Amino acid sequence: MQTKSTLRKWGNSFGVIIPKKLVEEEGFKEGEQVTISVSRVVDIRSLRGKLPLKDLQQAKDEMRKGWSD
C-alpha cells in the first residue's frame, strides 16, 4: 500500500507518521522494523515553463501520445 505523509522535526532528525488505517491493514506492531521507500512529491505546478511546449493544447496532445481509444 502507498500513502503520503509529512516530515516532522523530531529532535535533530525528521520523523514520519504512519496513518492508523495503514498500521491496522498491515498489522504493524510497536518496535517492528519496516522498510520505507522515500521519494519527493512534486507539485505539478512547479513544472510549468520547464517543458519545451508552446501551448496548453500541445501539452495535452503530447501527454495523449500512445493512448488508444
Protein backbone atom coordinates (compact mmCIF):
# COMPACT_ATOMS: atom_id res chain seq x y z
CA MET A 1 0.00 0.00 0.00
CA GLN A 2 1.15 3.52 -0.70
CA THR A 3 0.44 6.58 1.42
CA LYS A 4 1.60 10.16 1.76
CA SER A 5 2.91 11.67 4.97
CA THR A 6 4.58 14.90 6.03
CA LEU A 7 8.07 15.03 7.54
CA ARG A 8 8.12 16.42 11.06
CA LYS A 9 11.04 17.61 13.15
CA TRP A 10 11.92 15.09 15.85
CA GLY A 11 14.96 16.26 17.84
CA ASN A 12 17.84 16.57 15.37
CA SER A 13 16.09 14.25 12.90
CA PHE A 14 12.86 14.05 10.97
CA GLY A 15 10.03 11.61 11.59
CA VAL A 16 7.15 10.27 9.53
CA ILE A 17 3.73 9.42 10.94
CA ILE A 18 2.22 6.22 9.54
CA PRO A 19 -1.57 6.61 9.31
CA LYS A 20 -3.64 4.43 11.66
CA LYS A 21 -5.52 2.85 8.73
CA LEU A 22 -2.24 1.62 7.20
CA VAL A 23 -1.00 0.35 10.58
CA GLU A 24 -4.20 -1.64 11.06
CA GLU A 25 -4.27 -3.00 7.49
CA GLU A 26 -0.65 -4.14 7.64
CA GLY A 27 -0.84 -5.32 11.26
CA PHE A 28 2.20 -3.28 12.35
CA LYS A 29 3.22 -3.52 16.00
CA GLU A 30 5.33 -1.11 18.04
CA GLY A 31 9.03 -1.98 17.81
CA GLU A 32 8.76 -3.81 14.48
CA GLN A 33 11.14 -2.88 11.71
CA VAL A 34 9.60 -1.63 8.48
CA THR A 35 11.04 -0.68 5.12
CA ILE A 36 10.10 2.76 3.84
CA SER A 37 10.56 3.84 0.24
CA VAL A 38 11.22 7.59 0.10
CA SER A 39 10.54 9.97 -2.77
CA ARG A 40 9.77 13.65 -3.02
CA VAL A 41 6.25 14.58 -4.06
CA VAL A 42 6.50 17.01 -6.95
CA ASP A 43 3.88 19.74 -7.19
CA ILE A 44 2.98 19.67 -10.88
CA ARG A 45 2.62 23.47 -10.82
CA SER A 46 6.38 23.68 -10.23
CA LEU A 47 6.95 22.11 -13.67
CA ARG A 48 5.24 24.97 -15.51
CA GLY A 49 7.55 26.53 -18.05
CA LYS A 50 10.17 23.77 -17.77
CA LEU A 51 8.87 21.70 -20.68
CA PRO A 52 9.55 22.82 -24.24
CA LEU A 53 5.86 23.07 -25.17
CA LYS A 54 4.40 26.11 -26.89
CA ASP A 55 0.86 25.97 -25.54
CA LEU A 56 -1.58 24.01 -23.42
CA GLN A 57 -3.07 22.14 -26.37
CA GLN A 58 0.38 20.96 -27.43
CA ALA A 59 0.98 19.74 -23.88
CA LYS A 60 -2.29 17.79 -23.89
CA ASP A 61 -1.52 16.27 -27.29
CA GLU A 62 1.94 15.24 -26.08
CA MET A 63 0.50 13.53 -22.99
CA ARG A 64 -2.08 11.64 -25.07
CA LYS A 65 0.51 10.12 -27.44
CA GLY A 66 0.33 6.35 -27.27
CA TRP A 67 -3.16 6.21 -25.78
CA SER A 68 -5.63 4.11 -27.69
CA ASP A 69 -9.36 4.73 -27.71
